[in-house]
Amino acid sequence: MEYENQYQHVPAPKYECLLFDVDDTLYSLSSGLSKACTKNIEEFMVQKLGIEENKVSEINRVLYKNYGTSMAGLRAVGYNFDYDDYHSFVHGRLPYENLKPDPVLRSLLLSLPIRKVVFSNGDEVHVAKVLRKLGLEDCFEGVISFETLNPPTNGRNNSDNRGSSTEILDATNYASQSALPQTPVTCKPFENAFEQAFKIAKINPQKTLFFDDSIRNIQTGKQVGLHTVLVS
């Protein structure tokens, strides 16, 4: 596992908790899951939301850049859809068979005598599948997933409230993050997601080391007091 050396530099007495992202952090980008996920998201946007196919890649890029996840961006600019349907479409068709057990990482995690918690934007089914495929399902005290931060409500189902592709690009082309339309989705890299995660998992950020592959997530982590490791 190519990231194992980064985890070995943890000076255990300094920290009470290790906080881990999942995708492209606990496993390598070379697995192909990230690429497949992007393809599935763009197919969802075309097939389920009616966004023009020739614009979908650029729209997805802009939404992800501004909101950290495509789902959060789509909701911010006026698209309503069932979250479970989205996750089933996007994650349900991923090539999980590409993931193999990682006994080295498993042994390392189990050897560290401090709390270990997962903090992912992914849905709970996806996170569970990844951990099981990697052989890490019993290595963590808890999992903070999409559902943890976005509990089900009665108002999240599909509707006809849809913008056009041009409107999406216009709506997300802002000079500053503060001017962006707000998203109802709670997720990294936004500070409220970190704050909720700390409260739910009873984490002291000043005594926690956070591993993530996203520079934006790492930047927010630093801002809220976490010690951080950018996994690359």
C-alpha atoms as a PDB file:
ATOM      1  CA  MET A   1       0.000   0.000   0.000  1.00  0.00           C
ATOM      2  CA  GLU A   2       1.756   3.101  -1.254  1.00  0.00           C
ATOM      3  CA  TYR A   3       0.611   5.415   1.541  1.00  0.00           C
ATOM      4  CA  GLU A   4       1.693   3.299   4.480  1.00  0.00           C
ATOM      5  CA  ASN A   5       4.856   5.312   5.165  1.00  0.00           C
ATOM      6  CA  GLN A   6       2.769   8.451   5.683  1.00  0.00           C
ATOM      7  CA  TYR A   7       0.739   6.745   8.412  1.00  0.00           C
ATOM      8  CA  GLN A   8       3.847   5.443  10.162  1.00  0.00           C
ATOM      9  CA  HIS A   9       4.965   8.968  11.004  1.00  0.00           C
ATOM     10  CA  VAL A  10       2.186   9.370  13.574  1.00  0.00           C
ATOM     11  CA  PRO A  11       3.683  10.255  16.973  1.00  0.00           C
ATOM     12  CA  ALA A  12       0.971   8.506  19.001  1.00  0.00           C
ATOM     13  CA  PRO A  13       1.371  10.420  22.300  1.00  0.00           C
ATOM     14  CA  LYS A  14       0.573  13.717  20.591  1.00  0.00           C
ATOM     15  CA  TYR A  15      -2.813  12.597  19.241  1.00  0.00           C
ATOM     16  CA  GLU A  16      -6.000  11.148  20.629  1.00  0.00           C
ATOM     17  CA  CYS A  17      -7.622  10.355  17.285  1.00  0.00           C
ATOM     18  CA  LEU A  18      -6.818   9.633  13.650  1.00  0.00           C
ATOM     19  CA  LEU A  19      -9.476  10.846  11.206  1.00  0.00           C
ATOM     20  CA  PHE A  20      -9.477   9.267   7.748  1.00  0.00           C
ATOM     21  CA  ASP A  21     -11.083  10.066   4.452  1.00  0.00           C
ATOM     22  CA  VAL A  22     -11.832   6.926   2.414  1.00  0.00           C
ATOM     23  CA  ASP A  23     -11.768   7.347  -1.364  1.00  0.00           C
ATOM     24  CA  ASP A  24      -8.281   7.784  -2.841  1.00  0.00           C
ATOM     25  CA  THR A  25      -6.944   7.912   0.727  1.00  0.00           C
ATOM     26  CA  LEU A  26      -7.275   4.380   2.094  1.00  0.00           C
ATOM     27  CA  TYR A  27      -6.726   3.012  -1.400  1.00  0.00           C
ATOM     28  CA  SER A  28      -4.859   4.190  -4.468  1.00  0.00           C
ATOM     29  CA  LEU A  29      -6.226   6.424  -7.208  1.00  0.00           C
ATOM     30  CA  SER A  30      -4.979   3.765  -9.632  1.00  0.00           C
ATOM     31  CA  SER A  31      -7.872   1.501  -8.583  1.00  0.00           C
ATOM     32  CA  GLY A  32     -10.047   3.250 -11.155  1.00  0.00           C
ATOM     33  CA  LEU A  33     -12.943   3.920  -8.749  1.00  0.00           C
ATOM     34  CA  SER A  34     -12.565   7.691  -8.969  1.00  0.00           C
ATOM     35  CA  LYS A  35     -12.646   7.676 -12.761  1.00  0.00           C
ATOM     36  CA  ALA A  36     -15.668   5.372 -12.783  1.00  0.00           C
ATOM     37  CA  CYS A  37     -17.418   7.559 -10.223  1.00  0.00           C
ATOM     38  CA  THR A  38     -16.964  10.650 -12.390  1.00  0.00           C
ATOM     39  CA  LYS A  39     -18.379   8.778 -15.386  1.00  0.00           C
ATOM     40  CA  ASN A  40     -21.405   7.651 -13.363  1.00  0.00           C
ATOM     41  CA  ILE A  41     -22.047  11.163 -12.055  1.00  0.00           C
ATOM     42  CA  GLU A  42     -22.028  12.591 -15.561  1.00  0.00           C
ATOM     43  CA  GLU A  43     -24.357   9.848 -16.784  1.00  0.00           C
ATOM     44  CA  PHE A  44     -26.725  10.644 -13.902  1.00  0.00           C
ATOM     45  CA  MET A  45     -26.699  14.304 -14.882  1.00  0.00           C
ATOM     46  CA  VAL A  46     -27.601  13.449 -18.468  1.00  0.00           C
ATOM     47  CA  GLN A  47     -30.030  10.591 -17.926  1.00  0.00           C
ATOM     48  CA  LYS A  48     -31.773  11.714 -14.748  1.00  0.00           C
ATOM     49  CA  LEU A  49     -31.518  15.507 -14.835  1.00  0.00           C
ATOM     50  CA  GLY A  50     -31.640  16.160 -18.579  1.00  0.00           C
ATOM     51  CA  ILE A  51     -28.408  18.148 -18.732  1.00  0.00           C
ATOM     52  CA  GLU A  52     -26.897  18.416 -22.217  1.00  0.00           C
ATOM     53  CA  GLU A  53     -24.313  15.717 -22.796  1.00  0.00           C
ATOM     54  CA  ASN A  54     -21.849  18.023 -24.538  1.00  0.00           C
ATOM     55  CA  LYS A  55     -21.745  20.317 -21.488  1.00  0.00           C
ATOM     56  CA  VAL A  56     -21.882  17.817 -18.674  1.00  0.00           C
ATOM     57  CA  SER A  57     -18.126  17.334 -18.142  1.00  0.00           C
ATOM     58  CA  GLU A  58     -17.469  21.050 -17.759  1.00  0.00           C
ATOM     59  CA  ILE A  59     -20.513  21.526 -15.535  1.00  0.00           C
ATOM     60  CA  ASN A  60     -19.428  18.646 -13.330  1.00  0.00           C
ATOM     61  CA  ARG A  61     -15.931  20.110 -13.077  1.00  0.00           C
ATOM     62  CA  VAL A  62     -17.259  23.527 -12.055  1.00  0.00           C
ATOM     63  CA  LEU A  63     -19.674  22.106  -9.492  1.00  0.00           C
ATOM     64  CA  TYR A  64     -17.033  19.868  -7.942  1.00  0.00           C
ATOM     65  CA  LYS A  65     -14.537  22.734  -7.810  1.00  0.00           C
ATOM     66  CA  ASN A  66     -16.971  25.033  -6.030  1.00  0.00           C
ATOM     67  CA  TYR A  67     -18.786  22.616  -3.744  1.00  0.00           C
ATOM     68  CA  GLY A  68     -16.480  19.683  -3.056  1.00  0.00           C
ATOM     69  CA  THR A  69     -19.019  17.179  -4.389  1.00  0.00           C
ATOM     70  CA  SER A  70     -21.095  17.207  -7.552  1.00  0.00           C
ATOM     71  CA  MET A  71     -24.228  16.374  -5.573  1.00  0.00           C
ATOM     72  CA  ALA A  72     -23.806  19.406  -3.330  1.00  0.00           C
ATOM     73  CA  GLY A  73     -23.314  21.604  -6.388  1.00  0.00           C
ATOM     74  CA  LEU A  74     -26.342  20.254  -8.218  1.00  0.00           C
ATOM     75  CA  ARG A  75     -28.535  20.866  -5.182  1.00  0.00           C
ATOM     76  CA  ALA A  76     -27.139  24.383  -4.758  1.00  0.00           C
ATOM     77  CA  VAL A  77     -28.137  25.422  -8.268  1.00  0.00           C
ATOM     78  CA  GLY A  78     -31.687  24.110  -8.032  1.00  0.00           C
ATOM     79  CA  TYR A  79     -31.737  20.424  -8.923  1.00  0.00           C
ATOM     80  CA  ASN A  80     -33.782  18.232  -6.599  1.00  0.00           C
ATOM     81  CA  PHE A  81     -33.445  14.453  -6.571  1.00  0.00           C
ATOM     82  CA  ASP A  82     -33.554  11.575  -4.146  1.00  0.00           C
ATOM     83  CA  TYR A  83     -30.192  11.138  -2.454  1.00  0.00           C
ATOM     84  CA  ASP A  84     -30.499   7.359  -2.263  1.00  0.00           C
ATOM     85  CA  ASP A  85     -31.247   7.185  -5.992  1.00  0.00           C
ATOM     86  CA  TYR A  86     -28.188   9.308  -6.697  1.00  0.00           C
ATOM     87  CA  HIS A  87     -25.897   7.177  -4.566  1.00  0.00           C
ATOM     88  CA  SER A  88     -27.281   3.972  -6.024  1.00  0.00           C
ATOM     89  CA  PHE A  89     -26.664   5.218  -9.559  1.00  0.00           C
ATOM     90  CA  VAL A  90     -23.227   6.702  -8.876  1.00  0.00           C
ATOM     91  CA  HIS A  91     -21.730   4.237  -6.389  1.00  0.00           C
ATOM     92  CA  GLY A  92     -23.800   1.144  -7.098  1.00  0.00           C
ATOM     93  CA  ARG A  93     -21.998   0.514 -10.383  1.00  0.00           C
ATOM     94  CA  LEU A  94     -18.417   1.087  -9.250  1.00  0.00           C
ATOM     95  CA  PRO A  95     -15.772  -1.606  -9.927  1.00  0.00           C
ATOM     96  CA  TYR A  96     -15.300  -2.594  -6.277  1.00  0.00           C
ATOM     97  CA  GLU A  97     -13.639  -5.779  -7.485  1.00  0.00           C
ATOM     98  CA  ASN A  98     -10.576  -3.622  -8.224  1.00  0.00           C
ATOM     99  CA  LEU A  99     -10.030  -3.167  -4.493  1.00  0.00           C
ATOM    100  CA  LYS A 100      -7.977  -5.854  -2.754  1.00  0.00           C
ATOM    101  CA  PRO A 101      -7.317  -6.555   0.928  1.00  0.00           C
ATOM    102  CA  ASP A 102      -4.497  -4.452   2.364  1.00  0.00           C
ATOM    103  CA  PRO A 103      -2.997  -6.509   5.219  1.00  0.00           C
ATOM    104  CA  VAL A 104      -0.140  -4.050   5.745  1.00  0.00           C
ATOM    105  CA  LEU A 105      -2.461  -1.106   6.312  1.00  0.00           C
ATOM    106  CA  ARG A 106      -4.753  -3.269   8.437  1.00  0.00           C
ATOM    107  CA  SER A 107      -1.875  -4.335  10.673  1.00  0.00           C
ATOM    108  CA  LEU A 108      -0.651  -0.758  10.967  1.00  0.00           C
ATOM    109  CA  LEU A 109      -4.071   0.619  11.910  1.00  0.00           C
ATOM    110  CA  LEU A 110      -4.672  -2.095  14.500  1.00  0.00           C
ATOM    111  CA  SER A 111      -1.255  -1.495  16.018  1.00  0.00           C
ATOM    112  CA  LEU A 112      -1.928   2.185  16.751  1.00  0.00           C
ATOM    113  CA  PRO A 113      -3.319   2.514  20.292  1.00  0.00           C
ATOM    114  CA  ILE A 114      -5.528   5.550  19.642  1.00  0.00           C
ATOM    115  CA  ARG A 115      -9.011   6.186  18.252  1.00  0.00           C
ATOM    116  CA  LYS A 116      -9.513   5.850  14.508  1.00  0.00           C
ATOM    117  CA  VAL A 117     -12.582   7.314  12.772  1.00  0.00           C
ATOM    118  CA  VAL A 118     -13.678   7.471   9.131  1.00  0.00           C
ATOM    119  CA  PHE A 119     -14.931  10.815   7.774  1.00  0.00           C
ATOM    120  CA  SER A 120     -16.265  10.465   4.225  1.00  0.00           C
ATOM    121  CA  ASN A 121     -18.619  12.321   1.897  1.00  0.00           C
ATOM    122  CA  GLY A 122     -19.666   8.918   0.560  1.00  0.00           C
ATOM    123  CA  ASP A 123     -22.873   7.154   1.531  1.00  0.00           C
ATOM    124  CA  GLU A 124     -22.780   4.480   4.212  1.00  0.00           C
ATOM    125  CA  VAL A 125     -23.258   1.572   1.789  1.00  0.00           C
ATOM    126  CA  HIS A 126     -20.327   2.725  -0.337  1.00  0.00           C
ATOM    127  CA  VAL A 127     -18.052   3.267   2.650  1.00  0.00           C
ATOM    128  CA  ALA A 128     -18.921  -0.148   4.074  1.00  0.00           C
ATOM    129  CA  LYS A 129     -18.171  -1.852   0.746  1.00  0.00           C
ATOM    130  CA  VAL A 130     -14.800  -0.152   0.435  1.00  0.00           C
ATOM    131  CA  LEU A 131     -13.753  -1.006   3.990  1.00  0.00           C
ATOM    132  CA  ARG A 132     -14.862  -4.612   3.547  1.00  0.00           C
ATOM    133  CA  LYS A 133     -12.975  -4.989   0.258  1.00  0.00           C
ATOM    134  CA  LEU A 134      -9.824  -3.573   1.856  1.00  0.00           C
ATOM    135  CA  GLY A 135     -10.211  -5.811   4.902  1.00  0.00           C
ATOM    136  CA  LEU A 136     -10.453  -2.773   7.193  1.00  0.00           C
ATOM    137  CA  GLU A 137     -14.050  -3.030   8.375  1.00  0.00           C
ATOM    138  CA  ASP A 138     -13.055  -3.615  12.011  1.00  0.00           C
ATOM    139  CA  CYS A 139     -10.210  -1.090  12.141  1.00  0.00           C
ATOM    140  CA  PHE A 140     -12.294   1.980  12.973  1.00  0.00           C
ATOM    141  CA  GLU A 141     -14.250   3.007  16.030  1.00  0.00           C
ATOM    142  CA  GLY A 142     -16.857   4.791  13.944  1.00  0.00           C
ATOM    143  CA  VAL A 143     -17.861   6.046  10.505  1.00  0.00           C
ATOM    144  CA  ILE A 144     -19.119   9.513   9.643  1.00  0.00           C
ATOM    145  CA  SER A 145     -20.761   9.234   6.226  1.00  0.00           C
ATOM    146  CA  PHE A 146     -23.164  11.208   4.064  1.00  0.00           C
ATOM    147  CA  GLU A 147     -26.167   9.953   6.045  1.00  0.00           C
ATOM    148  CA  THR A 148     -24.548  10.928   9.342  1.00  0.00           C
ATOM    149  CA  LEU A 149     -24.428  14.583   8.314  1.00  0.00           C
ATOM    150  CA  ASN A 150     -27.542  14.562   6.109  1.00  0.00           C
ATOM    151  CA  PRO A 151     -30.253  12.561   7.899  1.00  0.00           C
ATOM    152  CA  PRO A 152     -33.348  11.721   5.811  1.00  0.00           C
ATOM    153  CA  THR A 153     -36.110  14.307   5.576  1.00  0.00           C
ATOM    154  CA  ASN A 154     -39.467  14.362   3.849  1.00  0.00           C
ATOM    155  CA  GLY A 155     -38.473  17.110   1.452  1.00  0.00           C
ATOM    156  CA  ARG A 156     -35.628  15.582  -0.474  1.00  0.00           C
ATOM    157  CA  ASN A 157     -37.386  13.703  -3.289  1.00  0.00           C
ATOM    158  CA  ASN A 158     -37.411  14.444  -6.998  1.00  0.00           C
ATOM    159  CA  SER A 159     -39.166  17.528  -8.326  1.00  0.00           C
ATOM    160  CA  ASP A 160     -39.312  19.451 -11.565  1.00  0.00           C
ATOM    161  CA  ASN A 161     -37.204  22.320 -10.198  1.00  0.00           C
ATOM    162  CA  ARG A 162     -34.428  22.243 -12.789  1.00  0.00           C
ATOM    163  CA  GLY A 163     -32.169  24.884 -14.243  1.00  0.00           C
ATOM    164  CA  SER A 164     -30.509  24.889 -17.647  1.00  0.00           C
ATOM    165  CA  SER A 165     -26.873  24.036 -18.291  1.00  0.00           C
ATOM    166  CA  THR A 166     -26.116  27.687 -19.001  1.00  0.00           C
ATOM    167  CA  GLU A 167     -27.724  28.726 -15.723  1.00  0.00           C
ATOM    168  CA  ILE A 168     -25.614  26.214 -13.825  1.00  0.00           C
ATOM    169  CA  LEU A 169     -22.382  27.555 -15.291  1.00  0.00           C
ATOM    170  CA  ASP A 170     -23.454  31.149 -14.694  1.00  0.00           C
ATOM    171  CA  ALA A 171     -24.601  30.418 -11.149  1.00  0.00           C
ATOM    172  CA  THR A 172     -21.309  28.808 -10.149  1.00  0.00           C
ATOM    173  CA  ASN A 173     -18.973  31.272 -11.868  1.00  0.00           C
ATOM    174  CA  TYR A 174     -18.442  33.507  -8.870  1.00  0.00           C
ATOM    175  CA  ALA A 175     -15.349  35.444  -7.909  1.00  0.00           C
ATOM    176  CA  SER A 176     -15.474  34.266  -4.290  1.00  0.00           C
ATOM    177  CA  GLN A 177     -16.790  31.285  -2.351  1.00  0.00           C
ATOM    178  CA  SER A 178     -18.915  33.591  -0.175  1.00  0.00           C
ATOM    179  CA  ALA A 179     -21.011  34.582  -3.204  1.00  0.00           C
ATOM    180  CA  LEU A 180     -21.919  31.014  -4.159  1.00  0.00           C
ATOM    181  CA  PRO A 181     -25.509  29.801  -3.815  1.00  0.00           C
ATOM    182  CA  GLN A 182     -25.716  27.759  -0.627  1.00  0.00           C
ATOM    183  CA  THR A 183     -26.159  24.015  -0.825  1.00  0.00           C
ATOM    184  CA  PRO A 184     -28.491  22.099   1.504  1.00  0.00           C
ATOM    185  CA  VAL A 185     -25.958  19.248   1.526  1.00  0.00           C
ATOM    186  CA  THR A 186     -23.562  19.093   4.450  1.00  0.00           C
ATOM    187  CA  CYS A 187     -20.194  17.800   3.247  1.00  0.00           C
ATOM    188  CA  LYS A 188     -16.470  18.412   3.171  1.00  0.00           C
ATOM    189  CA  PRO A 189     -14.850  20.854   2.470  1.00  0.00           C
ATOM    190  CA  PHE A 190     -17.285  23.118   4.320  1.00  0.00           C
ATOM    191  CA  GLU A 191     -16.544  23.958   7.936  1.00  0.00           C
ATOM    192  CA  ASN A 192     -20.021  23.023   9.162  1.00  0.00           C
ATOM    193  CA  ALA A 193     -19.390  19.433   8.067  1.00  0.00           C
ATOM    194  CA  PHE A 194     -16.213  19.283  10.141  1.00  0.00           C
ATOM    195  CA  GLU A 195     -17.901  20.898  13.120  1.00  0.00           C
ATOM    196  CA  GLN A 196     -20.766  18.405  13.002  1.00  0.00           C
ATOM    197  CA  ALA A 197     -18.323  15.516  12.649  1.00  0.00           C
ATOM    198  CA  PHE A 198     -16.390  16.682  15.718  1.00  0.00           C
ATOM    199  CA  LYS A 199     -19.589  16.917  17.748  1.00  0.00           C
ATOM    200  CA  ILE A 200     -20.971  13.543  16.645  1.00  0.00           C
ATOM    201  CA  ALA A 201     -17.720  11.640  17.122  1.00  0.00           C
ATOM    202  CA  LYS A 202     -16.641  13.634  20.201  1.00  0.00           C
ATOM    203  CA  ILE A 203     -13.397  14.656  18.519  1.00  0.00           C
ATOM    204  CA  ASN A 204     -10.992  17.291  19.784  1.00  0.00           C
ATOM    205  CA  PRO A 205      -9.499  18.708  16.561  1.00  0.00           C
ATOM    206  CA  GLN A 206      -6.390  20.003  18.345  1.00  0.00           C
ATOM    207  CA  LYS A 207      -5.529  16.402  19.245  1.00  0.00           C
ATOM    208  CA  THR A 208      -6.575  14.783  15.963  1.00  0.00           C
ATOM    209  CA  LEU A 209      -4.586  13.956  12.829  1.00  0.00           C
ATOM    210  CA  PHE A 210      -6.636  14.145   9.623  1.00  0.00           C
ATOM    211  CA  PHE A 211      -5.740  12.214   6.432  1.00  0.00           C
ATOM    212  CA  ASP A 212      -7.322  13.260   3.122  1.00  0.00           C
ATOM    213  CA  ASP A 213      -6.382  13.388  -0.569  1.00  0.00           C
ATOM    214  CA  SER A 214      -8.204  16.690  -1.200  1.00  0.00           C
ATOM    215  CA  ILE A 215      -6.237  19.903  -0.798  1.00  0.00           C
ATOM    216  CA  ARG A 216      -9.446  21.825  -0.080  1.00  0.00           C
ATOM    217  CA  ASN A 217     -10.455  19.377   2.654  1.00  0.00           C
ATOM    218  CA  ILE A 218      -6.996  19.637   4.166  1.00  0.00           C
ATOM    219  CA  GLN A 219      -7.147  23.437   4.052  1.00  0.00           C
ATOM    220  CA  THR A 220     -10.476  23.473   5.879  1.00  0.00           C
ATOM    221  CA  GLY A 221      -9.147  20.913   8.317  1.00  0.00           C
ATOM    222  CA  LYS A 222      -6.292  23.233   9.209  1.00  0.00           C
ATOM    223  CA  GLN A 223      -8.702  26.151   9.605  1.00  0.00           C
ATOM    224  CA  VAL A 224     -10.809  24.239  12.131  1.00  0.00           C
ATOM    225  CA  GLY A 225      -7.780  23.173  14.156  1.00  0.00           C
ATOM    226  CA  LEU A 226      -6.908  19.723  12.852  1.00  0.00           C
ATOM    227  CA  HIS A 227      -3.394  18.480  12.288  1.00  0.00           C
ATOM    228  CA  THR A 228      -3.335  17.237   8.706  1.00  0.00           C
ATOM    229  CA  VAL A 229      -1.657  14.893   6.232  1.00  0.00           C
ATOM    230  CA  LEU A 230      -2.284  15.313   2.496  1.00  0.00           C
ATOM    231  CA  VAL A 231      -2.335  11.823   0.976  1.00  0.00           C
ATOM    232  CA  SER A 232      -0.969  11.761  -2.569  1.00  0.00           C
END
